[in-house]
């Protein structure tokens, strides 16, 4: 049951709630504007990660998720940004405020977010990894990990605390999700774009 309680498929996560056009009775999240414009370094920006993507997990029952995020690590050490995830299969949404952004390899970002508004009770943090593989058909698709959500305290024996999850870098986080059976570790998006700088 730990997977059922602790994890939401991403769309890396996306954390987002843009409309799902497949149903007229869709769940609509409170409107909180998330900018997805490209953020060039400069103006006090050390690193940034933005994305707007839809993912489909190729399981026995296809899982669809839409994610939008915008995160900035400023040169003064502060972090800003928001993320939204819309689980189109489960019909729920999550809004989050970015607490931490870790960028490595120049194109990979791990986001840690505090949940600010959601239809899910008991969960307070979410985490995911996004990879920018370049622009255009000459490059492989961008990728996103599972979106992992937790409460203030671990929900199963051996689950890392939210503080430990925040401190993990991308490799550590992906190793953790793989260790609890979340496969594949990364998904290619159906459509959309990720930019990491």
N, C-alpha and C. Protein backbone atom coordinates (compact mmCIF):
# COMPACT_ATOMS: atom_id res chain seq x y z
N UNK A 1 0.82 -1.21 0.00
CA UNK A 1 0.00 0.00 0.00
C UNK A 1 0.85 1.26 0.00
N UNK A 2 2.18 1.12 0.26
CA UNK A 2 2.98 2.33 0.37
C UNK A 2 3.00 3.11 -0.93
N UNK A 3 3.00 2.37 -2.08
CA UNK A 3 3.01 3.07 -3.34
C UNK A 3 1.72 3.86 -3.54
N UNK A 4 0.59 3.24 -3.16
CA UNK A 4 -0.70 3.90 -3.31
C UNK A 4 -0.75 5.17 -2.47
N UNK A 5 -0.20 5.12 -1.25
CA UNK A 5 -0.28 6.27 -0.37
C UNK A 5 0.78 7.32 -0.63
N UNK A 6 1.92 6.91 -1.12
CA UNK A 6 3.04 7.85 -1.14
C UNK A 6 3.34 8.45 -2.49
N UNK A 7 2.73 7.95 -3.55
CA UNK A 7 3.17 8.40 -4.84
C UNK A 7 2.07 8.85 -5.78
N UNK A 8 2.37 9.90 -6.48
CA UNK A 8 1.49 10.32 -7.57
C UNK A 8 2.34 10.36 -8.81
N UNK A 9 1.90 9.73 -9.89
CA UNK A 9 2.65 9.79 -11.12
C UNK A 9 2.72 11.20 -11.61
N UNK A 10 3.73 11.48 -12.12
CA UNK A 10 3.96 12.79 -12.59
C UNK A 10 3.27 13.17 -13.82
N UNK A 11 3.60 14.01 -13.59
CA UNK A 11 4.17 14.42 -14.66
C UNK A 11 4.98 15.53 -14.27
N UNK A 12 6.01 14.83 -13.79
CA UNK A 12 7.01 15.45 -13.13
C UNK A 12 6.77 16.58 -13.42
N UNK A 13 5.69 15.59 -12.95
CA UNK A 13 5.26 15.96 -12.43
C UNK A 13 5.31 16.92 -13.05
N UNK A 14 4.84 17.81 -13.65
CA UNK A 14 4.20 18.74 -13.68
C UNK A 14 3.72 19.26 -12.69
N UNK A 15 3.17 19.28 -11.68
CA UNK A 15 2.39 19.74 -10.59
C UNK A 15 1.42 20.77 -11.08
N UNK A 16 0.40 20.50 -11.79
CA UNK A 16 -0.25 21.51 -12.57
C UNK A 16 -1.60 21.76 -12.97
N UNK A 17 -2.27 22.40 -13.05
CA UNK A 17 -3.56 21.96 -13.37
C UNK A 17 -4.13 22.69 -14.55
N UNK A 18 -3.67 22.23 -15.67
CA UNK A 18 -4.23 22.85 -16.85
C UNK A 18 -5.35 21.94 -17.30
N UNK A 19 -6.28 22.51 -18.01
CA UNK A 19 -7.49 21.77 -18.29
C UNK A 19 -7.27 20.51 -19.06
N UNK A 20 -8.02 19.53 -18.67
CA UNK A 20 -8.06 18.27 -19.39
C UNK A 20 -9.27 18.36 -20.30
N UNK A 21 -9.08 18.22 -21.59
CA UNK A 21 -10.17 18.47 -22.51
C UNK A 21 -10.97 17.22 -22.81
N UNK A 22 -10.65 16.12 -22.13
CA UNK A 22 -11.31 14.88 -22.45
C UNK A 22 -12.69 14.76 -21.81
N UNK A 23 -13.00 15.61 -20.85
CA UNK A 23 -14.27 15.47 -20.15
C UNK A 23 -14.84 16.84 -19.86
N UNK A 24 -16.15 16.92 -19.94
CA UNK A 24 -16.79 18.20 -19.65
C UNK A 24 -16.99 18.39 -18.17
N UNK A 25 -16.82 17.33 -17.37
CA UNK A 25 -16.98 17.46 -15.92
C UNK A 25 -15.63 17.33 -15.23
N UNK A 26 -14.59 17.82 -15.88
CA UNK A 26 -13.25 17.72 -15.36
C UNK A 26 -13.09 18.50 -14.05
N UNK A 27 -12.08 18.11 -13.31
CA UNK A 27 -11.74 18.82 -12.08
C UNK A 27 -10.91 20.03 -12.47
N UNK A 28 -11.25 21.18 -11.94
CA UNK A 28 -10.53 22.41 -12.27
C UNK A 28 -9.87 22.95 -11.01
N UNK A 29 -8.59 23.20 -11.07
CA UNK A 29 -7.86 23.70 -9.91
C UNK A 29 -8.05 25.20 -9.78
N UNK A 30 -7.87 25.71 -8.57
CA UNK A 30 -7.87 27.16 -8.39
C UNK A 30 -6.82 27.79 -9.29
N UNK A 31 -7.12 28.91 -9.86
CA UNK A 31 -6.20 29.54 -10.80
C UNK A 31 -5.04 30.18 -10.05
N UNK A 32 -3.85 29.73 -10.33
CA UNK A 32 -2.62 30.32 -9.81
C UNK A 32 -1.67 30.37 -10.99
N UNK A 33 -1.41 31.55 -11.50
CA UNK A 33 -0.62 31.68 -12.72
C UNK A 33 0.78 31.11 -12.55
N UNK A 34 1.18 30.24 -13.50
CA UNK A 34 2.53 29.70 -13.54
C UNK A 34 3.13 30.09 -14.86
N UNK A 35 4.16 30.90 -14.82
CA UNK A 35 4.84 31.32 -16.04
C UNK A 35 5.74 30.20 -16.52
N UNK A 36 5.74 29.96 -17.83
CA UNK A 36 6.63 28.95 -18.39
C UNK A 36 7.57 29.56 -19.43
N UNK A 37 7.74 30.87 -19.38
CA UNK A 37 8.65 31.51 -20.32
C UNK A 37 10.09 31.11 -20.00
N UNK A 38 10.93 31.12 -21.01
CA UNK A 38 12.33 30.81 -20.82
C UNK A 38 12.98 31.84 -19.91
N UNK A 39 13.78 31.35 -18.98
CA UNK A 39 14.47 32.24 -18.04
C UNK A 39 15.96 32.16 -18.29
N UNK A 40 16.51 33.16 -18.93
CA UNK A 40 17.94 33.19 -19.17
C UNK A 40 18.67 33.59 -17.90
N UNK A 41 19.89 33.10 -17.76
CA UNK A 41 20.70 33.51 -16.62
C UNK A 41 20.96 35.00 -16.72
N UNK A 42 21.06 35.63 -15.61
CA UNK A 42 21.15 37.08 -15.57
C UNK A 42 20.08 37.57 -14.63
N UNK A 43 20.05 38.84 -14.38
CA UNK A 43 19.06 39.40 -13.48
C UNK A 43 19.05 38.68 -12.13
N UNK A 44 20.22 38.27 -11.69
CA UNK A 44 20.31 37.62 -10.39
C UNK A 44 19.93 36.15 -10.38
N UNK A 45 19.78 35.54 -11.57
CA UNK A 45 19.38 34.13 -11.64
C UNK A 45 20.61 33.24 -11.77
N UNK A 46 20.73 32.25 -10.88
CA UNK A 46 21.81 31.28 -10.94
C UNK A 46 21.40 30.08 -11.77
N UNK A 47 20.23 29.51 -11.46
CA UNK A 47 19.68 28.38 -12.21
C UNK A 47 18.18 28.57 -12.36
N UNK A 48 17.61 27.96 -13.39
CA UNK A 48 16.16 27.98 -13.55
C UNK A 48 15.70 26.70 -14.23
N UNK A 49 14.43 26.36 -13.99
CA UNK A 49 13.82 25.20 -14.64
C UNK A 49 12.35 25.53 -14.88
N UNK A 50 11.90 25.35 -16.12
CA UNK A 50 10.50 25.58 -16.45
C UNK A 50 9.99 24.41 -17.28
N UNK A 51 8.71 24.16 -17.21
CA UNK A 51 8.14 23.08 -18.00
C UNK A 51 6.64 23.16 -18.10
N UNK A 52 6.12 22.64 -19.20
CA UNK A 52 4.69 22.52 -19.44
C UNK A 52 4.54 21.28 -20.29
N UNK A 53 4.11 20.17 -19.70
CA UNK A 53 4.14 18.91 -20.42
C UNK A 53 3.02 17.98 -20.00
N UNK A 54 2.70 17.07 -20.90
CA UNK A 54 1.74 16.01 -20.63
C UNK A 54 2.46 14.68 -20.77
N UNK A 55 2.21 13.80 -19.82
CA UNK A 55 2.84 12.49 -19.83
C UNK A 55 1.78 11.39 -19.78
N UNK A 56 2.12 10.26 -20.39
CA UNK A 56 1.26 9.09 -20.28
C UNK A 56 2.13 7.92 -19.88
N UNK A 57 1.78 7.27 -18.77
CA UNK A 57 2.53 6.14 -18.28
C UNK A 57 1.99 4.87 -18.93
N UNK A 58 2.84 4.12 -19.63
CA UNK A 58 2.36 2.97 -20.41
C UNK A 58 2.15 1.71 -19.58
N UNK A 59 1.25 1.79 -18.61
CA UNK A 59 0.96 0.62 -17.80
C UNK A 59 -0.24 -0.11 -18.38
N UNK A 60 -0.67 -1.17 -17.71
CA UNK A 60 -1.82 -1.93 -18.17
C UNK A 60 -3.02 -1.00 -18.36
N UNK A 61 -3.17 -0.07 -17.40
CA UNK A 61 -4.18 0.97 -17.53
C UNK A 61 -3.42 2.29 -17.68
N UNK A 62 -3.39 2.85 -18.88
CA UNK A 62 -2.60 4.07 -19.13
C UNK A 62 -2.90 5.17 -18.11
N UNK A 63 -1.85 5.81 -17.66
CA UNK A 63 -1.95 6.88 -16.66
C UNK A 63 -1.56 8.19 -17.31
N UNK A 64 -2.40 9.20 -17.20
CA UNK A 64 -2.11 10.49 -17.82
C UNK A 64 -1.98 11.58 -16.77
N UNK A 65 -0.99 12.44 -16.97
CA UNK A 65 -0.73 13.51 -16.03
C UNK A 65 -0.22 14.74 -16.78
N UNK A 66 -0.61 15.91 -16.29
CA UNK A 66 -0.15 17.16 -16.89
C UNK A 66 0.59 17.96 -15.82
N UNK A 67 1.73 18.54 -16.20
CA UNK A 67 2.56 19.25 -15.23
C UNK A 67 3.01 20.60 -15.78
N UNK A 68 2.98 21.59 -14.92
CA UNK A 68 3.53 22.91 -15.24
C UNK A 68 4.37 23.36 -14.06
N UNK A 69 5.58 23.85 -14.33
CA UNK A 69 6.42 24.32 -13.23
C UNK A 69 7.34 25.43 -13.68
N UNK A 70 7.76 26.23 -12.71
CA UNK A 70 8.67 27.34 -12.95
C UNK A 70 9.45 27.54 -11.66
N UNK A 71 10.75 27.29 -11.70
CA UNK A 71 11.57 27.39 -10.49
C UNK A 71 12.83 28.19 -10.78
N UNK A 72 13.23 29.02 -9.82
CA UNK A 72 14.44 29.84 -9.96
C UNK A 72 15.29 29.75 -8.71
N UNK A 73 16.57 29.51 -8.90
CA UNK A 73 17.55 29.65 -7.82
C UNK A 73 18.27 30.98 -8.06
N UNK A 74 18.08 31.92 -7.14
CA UNK A 74 18.68 33.24 -7.29
C UNK A 74 20.12 33.25 -6.78
N UNK A 75 20.89 34.19 -7.25
CA UNK A 75 22.30 34.26 -6.86
C UNK A 75 22.49 34.56 -5.39
N UNK A 76 21.45 35.09 -4.72
CA UNK A 76 21.55 35.35 -3.29
C UNK A 76 21.20 34.11 -2.46
N UNK A 77 20.94 32.98 -3.16
CA UNK A 77 20.64 31.72 -2.46
C UNK A 77 19.17 31.45 -2.27
N UNK A 78 18.31 32.41 -2.55
CA UNK A 78 16.88 32.20 -2.37
C UNK A 78 16.29 31.40 -3.54
N UNK A 79 15.14 30.78 -3.28
CA UNK A 79 14.45 29.96 -4.28
C UNK A 79 13.04 30.51 -4.45
N UNK A 80 12.56 30.56 -5.68
CA UNK A 80 11.18 30.96 -5.93
C UNK A 80 10.60 30.09 -7.03
N UNK A 81 9.28 30.05 -7.09
CA UNK A 81 8.63 29.30 -8.16
C UNK A 81 7.42 28.54 -7.68
N UNK A 82 6.68 28.01 -8.63
CA UNK A 82 5.49 27.23 -8.34
C UNK A 82 5.43 26.03 -9.27
N UNK A 83 4.61 25.06 -8.88
CA UNK A 83 4.41 23.87 -9.70
C UNK A 83 2.98 23.39 -9.54
N UNK A 84 2.48 22.77 -10.58
CA UNK A 84 1.12 22.21 -10.54
C UNK A 84 1.12 20.86 -11.22
N UNK A 85 0.37 19.95 -10.65
CA UNK A 85 0.20 18.63 -11.24
C UNK A 85 -1.29 18.36 -11.36
N UNK A 86 -1.70 17.92 -12.53
CA UNK A 86 -3.08 17.50 -12.72
C UNK A 86 -3.09 16.04 -13.12
N UNK A 87 -3.57 15.20 -12.24
CA UNK A 87 -3.70 13.77 -12.50
C UNK A 87 -4.98 13.57 -13.30
N UNK A 88 -4.85 13.41 -14.60
CA UNK A 88 -6.02 13.29 -15.46
C UNK A 88 -6.73 11.95 -15.28
N UNK A 89 -5.99 10.94 -14.87
CA UNK A 89 -6.60 9.64 -14.65
C UNK A 89 -7.38 9.61 -13.34
N UNK A 90 -6.75 10.12 -12.28
CA UNK A 90 -7.41 10.13 -10.98
C UNK A 90 -8.36 11.30 -10.78
N UNK A 91 -8.23 12.34 -11.62
CA UNK A 91 -9.11 13.48 -11.54
C UNK A 91 -8.85 14.39 -10.36
N UNK A 92 -7.57 14.54 -9.97
CA UNK A 92 -7.26 15.47 -8.88
C UNK A 92 -6.07 16.33 -9.26
N UNK A 93 -5.86 17.40 -8.51
CA UNK A 93 -4.80 18.35 -8.80
C UNK A 93 -4.02 18.68 -7.53
N UNK A 94 -2.80 19.18 -7.74
CA UNK A 94 -1.93 19.60 -6.65
C UNK A 94 -1.23 20.89 -7.08
N UNK A 95 -1.25 21.90 -6.23
CA UNK A 95 -0.47 23.12 -6.43
C UNK A 95 0.65 23.14 -5.40
N UNK A 96 1.83 23.59 -5.79
CA UNK A 96 2.94 23.63 -4.85
C UNK A 96 3.82 24.86 -5.02
N UNK A 97 4.48 25.24 -3.95
CA UNK A 97 5.47 26.31 -3.96
C UNK A 97 6.85 25.68 -3.91
N UNK A 98 7.74 26.08 -4.80
CA UNK A 98 9.07 25.49 -4.87
C UNK A 98 9.90 25.92 -3.67
N UNK A 99 10.42 24.94 -2.93
CA UNK A 99 11.28 25.21 -1.78
C UNK A 99 12.75 25.05 -2.12
N UNK A 100 13.04 24.15 -3.06
CA UNK A 100 14.44 23.84 -3.37
C UNK A 100 14.56 23.44 -4.83
N UNK A 101 15.63 23.88 -5.47
CA UNK A 101 15.93 23.54 -6.86
C UNK A 101 17.38 23.12 -6.93
N UNK A 102 17.62 21.90 -7.40
CA UNK A 102 18.97 21.41 -7.60
C UNK A 102 19.17 21.11 -9.08
N UNK A 103 20.15 21.77 -9.71
CA UNK A 103 20.44 21.57 -11.13
C UNK A 103 21.80 20.89 -11.27
N UNK A 104 21.85 19.80 -12.04
CA UNK A 104 23.12 19.13 -12.28
C UNK A 104 23.22 18.73 -13.75
N UNK A 105 24.41 18.44 -14.18
CA UNK A 105 24.71 18.06 -15.57
C UNK A 105 24.30 19.14 -16.57
N UNK A 106 23.94 20.31 -16.07
CA UNK A 106 23.56 21.40 -16.96
C UNK A 106 22.17 21.30 -17.54
N UNK A 107 21.53 20.13 -17.43
CA UNK A 107 20.22 19.97 -18.07
C UNK A 107 19.20 19.22 -17.21
N UNK A 108 19.55 18.92 -15.98
CA UNK A 108 18.66 18.12 -15.12
C UNK A 108 18.35 18.89 -13.84
N UNK A 109 17.08 18.92 -13.47
CA UNK A 109 16.66 19.66 -12.29
C UNK A 109 15.81 18.79 -11.38
N UNK A 110 16.07 18.88 -10.08
CA UNK A 110 15.21 18.23 -9.08
C UNK A 110 14.49 19.33 -8.33
N UNK A 111 13.16 19.23 -8.28
CA UNK A 111 12.35 20.22 -7.59
C UNK A 111 11.75 19.62 -6.32
N UNK A 112 11.79 20.38 -5.25
CA UNK A 112 11.13 20.04 -3.99
C UNK A 112 10.12 21.14 -3.71
N UNK A 113 8.88 20.76 -3.46
CA UNK A 113 7.81 21.75 -3.32
C UNK A 113 6.97 21.50 -2.08
N UNK A 114 6.51 22.57 -1.48
CA UNK A 114 5.53 22.51 -0.40
C UNK A 114 4.15 22.60 -1.05
N UNK A 115 3.28 21.66 -0.76
CA UNK A 115 1.93 21.68 -1.32
C UNK A 115 1.14 22.81 -0.68
N UNK A 116 0.59 23.68 -1.51
CA UNK A 116 -0.16 24.83 -1.01
C UNK A 116 -1.66 24.67 -1.17
N UNK A 117 -2.07 23.82 -2.09
CA UNK A 117 -3.49 23.62 -2.35
C UNK A 117 -3.65 22.30 -3.09
N UNK A 118 -4.56 21.46 -2.62
CA UNK A 118 -4.70 20.14 -3.22
C UNK A 118 -6.02 19.51 -2.83
N UNK A 119 -6.45 18.55 -3.64
CA UNK A 119 -7.62 17.76 -3.30
C UNK A 119 -7.23 16.53 -2.49
N UNK A 120 -5.94 16.32 -2.28
CA UNK A 120 -5.47 15.17 -1.51
C UNK A 120 -5.19 15.61 -0.08
N UNK A 121 -5.72 14.90 0.89
CA UNK A 121 -5.47 15.22 2.28
C UNK A 121 -4.18 14.54 2.74
N UNK A 122 -3.60 15.08 3.77
CA UNK A 122 -2.47 14.47 4.49
C UNK A 122 -1.12 14.61 3.80
N UNK A 123 -1.08 15.07 2.57
CA UNK A 123 0.20 15.22 1.88
C UNK A 123 0.62 16.69 1.87
N UNK A 124 1.90 16.94 2.15
CA UNK A 124 2.37 18.32 2.28
C UNK A 124 3.57 18.67 1.40
N UNK A 125 4.24 17.67 0.82
CA UNK A 125 5.41 17.94 -0.02
C UNK A 125 5.37 17.07 -1.26
N UNK A 126 5.96 17.58 -2.34
CA UNK A 126 6.10 16.78 -3.55
C UNK A 126 7.47 17.01 -4.17
N UNK A 127 7.91 15.98 -4.89
CA UNK A 127 9.27 15.97 -5.44
C UNK A 127 9.25 15.34 -6.84
N UNK A 128 10.11 15.85 -7.73
CA UNK A 128 10.27 15.21 -9.04
C UNK A 128 11.54 15.73 -9.70
N UNK A 129 11.94 15.02 -10.76
CA UNK A 129 13.13 15.39 -11.55
C UNK A 129 12.69 15.63 -12.99
N UNK A 130 13.23 16.68 -13.60
CA UNK A 130 12.94 16.99 -15.00
C UNK A 130 14.25 17.12 -15.77
N UNK A 131 14.25 16.64 -17.01
CA UNK A 131 15.46 16.66 -17.84
C UNK A 131 15.17 17.36 -19.16
N UNK A 132 15.99 18.36 -19.48
CA UNK A 132 15.93 19.11 -20.73
C UNK A 132 16.94 18.49 -21.69
N UNK A 133 16.45 17.77 -22.71
CA UNK A 133 17.35 17.10 -23.65
C UNK A 133 17.61 17.89 -24.92
N UNK A 134 17.22 19.17 -24.93
CA UNK A 134 17.47 20.00 -26.11
C UNK A 134 16.20 20.28 -26.88
N UNK A 135 16.32 21.15 -27.88
CA UNK A 135 15.17 21.59 -28.66
C UNK A 135 15.23 21.04 -30.08
N UNK A 136 14.08 20.66 -30.61
CA UNK A 136 14.01 20.23 -32.00
C UNK A 136 14.08 18.73 -32.18
N UNK A 137 13.81 18.29 -33.40
CA UNK A 137 13.72 16.86 -33.71
C UNK A 137 15.07 16.16 -33.66
N UNK A 138 16.15 16.91 -33.70
CA UNK A 138 17.48 16.30 -33.67
C UNK A 138 17.84 15.80 -32.28
N UNK A 139 17.04 16.17 -31.26
CA UNK A 139 17.34 15.79 -29.89
C UNK A 139 16.30 14.82 -29.36
N UNK A 140 16.69 13.97 -28.42
CA UNK A 140 15.70 13.05 -27.83
C UNK A 140 14.67 13.84 -27.01
N UNK A 141 13.52 13.24 -26.73
CA UNK A 141 12.49 13.94 -25.97
C UNK A 141 12.96 14.31 -24.56
N UNK A 142 12.41 15.40 -24.03
CA UNK A 142 12.64 15.73 -22.62
C UNK A 142 12.02 14.64 -21.76
N UNK A 143 12.43 14.60 -20.49
CA UNK A 143 11.98 13.52 -19.61
C UNK A 143 11.58 14.06 -18.24
N UNK A 144 10.75 13.28 -17.57
CA UNK A 144 10.35 13.61 -16.20
C UNK A 144 10.23 12.33 -15.39
N UNK A 145 10.47 12.46 -14.10
CA UNK A 145 10.38 11.31 -13.20
C UNK A 145 8.95 11.17 -12.68
N UNK A 146 8.76 10.16 -11.86
CA UNK A 146 7.52 10.08 -11.10
C UNK A 146 7.46 11.28 -10.16
N UNK A 147 6.25 11.70 -9.84
CA UNK A 147 6.07 12.71 -8.80
C UNK A 147 5.82 11.95 -7.51
N UNK A 148 6.62 12.26 -6.51
CA UNK A 148 6.53 11.56 -5.23
C UNK A 148 6.00 12.54 -4.19
N UNK A 149 4.96 12.14 -3.47
CA UNK A 149 4.36 13.03 -2.48
C UNK A 149 4.40 12.40 -1.10
N UNK A 150 4.62 13.24 -0.08
CA UNK A 150 4.71 12.76 1.30
C UNK A 150 4.01 13.74 2.24
N UNK A 151 3.80 13.28 3.47
CA UNK A 151 3.25 14.13 4.51
C UNK A 151 4.36 14.68 5.39
N UNK A 152 3.97 15.25 6.52
CA UNK A 152 4.97 15.81 7.44
C UNK A 152 5.81 14.74 8.11
N UNK A 153 5.26 13.54 8.23
CA UNK A 153 5.99 12.42 8.82
C UNK A 153 5.92 11.23 7.88
N UNK A 154 6.92 10.35 7.89
CA UNK A 154 6.91 9.17 7.00
C UNK A 154 5.64 8.34 7.20
N UNK A 155 5.11 7.82 6.10
CA UNK A 155 3.87 7.05 6.15
C UNK A 155 4.11 5.55 6.16
N UNK A 156 5.34 5.13 5.97
CA UNK A 156 5.66 3.71 6.05
C UNK A 156 7.08 3.55 6.56
N UNK A 157 7.34 2.41 7.16
CA UNK A 157 8.63 2.13 7.80
C UNK A 157 9.75 2.18 6.76
N UNK A 158 10.71 3.04 6.98
CA UNK A 158 11.83 3.16 6.06
C UNK A 158 11.69 4.27 5.05
N UNK A 159 10.53 4.93 5.00
CA UNK A 159 10.39 6.04 4.07
C UNK A 159 11.22 7.23 4.55
N UNK A 160 11.97 7.88 3.65
CA UNK A 160 12.74 9.06 4.07
C UNK A 160 11.80 10.18 4.54
N UNK A 161 12.30 11.00 5.44
CA UNK A 161 11.54 12.18 5.86
C UNK A 161 11.54 13.20 4.73
N UNK A 162 10.64 14.17 4.81
CA UNK A 162 10.63 15.18 3.76
C UNK A 162 11.93 15.98 3.76
N UNK A 163 12.53 16.16 4.95
CA UNK A 163 13.82 16.87 5.01
C UNK A 163 14.90 16.10 4.24
N UNK A 164 14.91 14.78 4.40
CA UNK A 164 15.89 13.95 3.69
C UNK A 164 15.62 13.97 2.18
N UNK A 165 14.36 13.97 1.79
CA UNK A 165 14.03 14.03 0.37
C UNK A 165 14.45 15.37 -0.24
N UNK A 166 14.29 16.44 0.50
CA UNK A 166 14.72 17.76 0.00
C UNK A 166 16.23 17.77 -0.22
N UNK A 167 16.98 17.16 0.68
CA UNK A 167 18.45 17.18 0.58
C UNK A 167 18.99 16.29 -0.52
N UNK A 168 18.21 15.32 -0.98
CA UNK A 168 18.69 14.41 -2.03
C UNK A 168 18.96 15.17 -3.32
N UNK A 169 20.05 14.79 -4.02
CA UNK A 169 20.26 15.32 -5.36
C UNK A 169 19.48 14.44 -6.34
N UNK A 170 19.56 14.73 -7.62
CA UNK A 170 18.77 13.98 -8.61
C UNK A 170 19.08 12.50 -8.59
N UNK A 171 20.37 12.13 -8.58
CA UNK A 171 20.74 10.72 -8.59
C UNK A 171 20.21 10.00 -7.36
N UNK A 172 20.33 10.62 -6.20
CA UNK A 172 19.85 9.99 -4.96
C UNK A 172 18.34 9.82 -4.99
N UNK A 173 17.63 10.83 -5.47
CA UNK A 173 16.17 10.75 -5.53
C UNK A 173 15.73 9.65 -6.50
N UNK A 174 16.34 9.60 -7.68
CA UNK A 174 15.97 8.59 -8.67
C UNK A 174 16.33 7.19 -8.20
N UNK A 175 17.43 7.05 -7.48
CA UNK A 175 17.79 5.75 -6.91
C UNK A 175 16.75 5.31 -5.88
N UNK A 176 16.28 6.28 -5.09
CA UNK A 176 15.25 5.97 -4.10
C UNK A 176 13.96 5.51 -4.77
N UNK A 177 13.47 6.26 -5.77
CA UNK A 177 12.21 5.87 -6.41
C UNK A 177 12.34 4.50 -7.09
N UNK A 178 13.51 4.23 -7.68
CA UNK A 178 13.73 2.93 -8.29
C UNK A 178 13.73 1.83 -7.25
N UNK A 179 14.29 2.12 -6.07
CA UNK A 179 14.40 1.10 -5.02
C UNK A 179 13.04 0.65 -4.48
N UNK A 180 12.01 1.50 -4.66
CA UNK A 180 10.68 1.13 -4.18
C UNK A 180 9.77 0.70 -5.34
N UNK A 181 10.39 0.43 -6.49
CA UNK A 181 9.66 -0.18 -7.59
C UNK A 181 9.01 0.76 -8.58
N UNK A 182 9.40 2.03 -8.59
CA UNK A 182 8.83 2.97 -9.55
C UNK A 182 9.61 2.88 -10.86
N UNK A 183 9.10 2.13 -11.79
CA UNK A 183 9.76 1.91 -13.07
C UNK A 183 8.82 2.29 -14.21
N UNK A 184 9.37 2.80 -15.31
CA UNK A 184 10.76 3.23 -15.46
C UNK A 184 11.04 4.46 -14.60
N UNK A 185 12.32 4.71 -14.38
CA UNK A 185 12.70 5.82 -13.51
C UNK A 185 12.32 7.16 -14.14
N UNK A 186 12.48 7.27 -15.46
CA UNK A 186 12.15 8.51 -16.17
C UNK A 186 11.21 8.20 -17.33
N UNK A 187 10.31 9.15 -17.61
CA UNK A 187 9.38 9.02 -18.72
C UNK A 187 9.64 10.12 -19.75
N UNK A 188 9.41 9.78 -21.02
CA UNK A 188 9.45 10.78 -22.07
C UNK A 188 8.07 11.44 -22.16
N UNK A 189 8.06 12.73 -22.37
CA UNK A 189 6.78 13.43 -22.42
C UNK A 189 6.01 13.11 -23.69
N UNK A 190 4.69 13.22 -23.62
CA UNK A 190 3.86 13.09 -24.82
C UNK A 190 3.94 14.35 -25.66
N UNK A 191 3.80 15.49 -25.01
CA UNK A 191 3.97 16.75 -25.69
C UNK A 191 4.26 17.83 -24.64
N UNK A 192 4.91 18.89 -25.08
CA UNK A 192 5.31 19.95 -24.16
C UNK A 192 6.79 20.22 -24.24
N UNK A 193 7.30 20.89 -23.22
CA UNK A 193 8.71 21.29 -23.25
C UNK A 193 9.23 21.52 -21.84
N UNK A 194 10.51 21.19 -21.64
CA UNK A 194 11.22 21.46 -20.39
C UNK A 194 12.46 22.27 -20.74
N UNK A 195 12.74 23.30 -19.95
CA UNK A 195 13.98 24.07 -20.13
C UNK A 195 14.67 24.17 -18.78
N UNK A 196 15.93 23.75 -18.75
CA UNK A 196 16.76 23.84 -17.55
C UNK A 196 17.99 24.65 -17.90
N UNK A 197 18.29 25.66 -17.09
CA UNK A 197 19.45 26.52 -17.36
C UNK A 197 20.26 26.73 -16.09
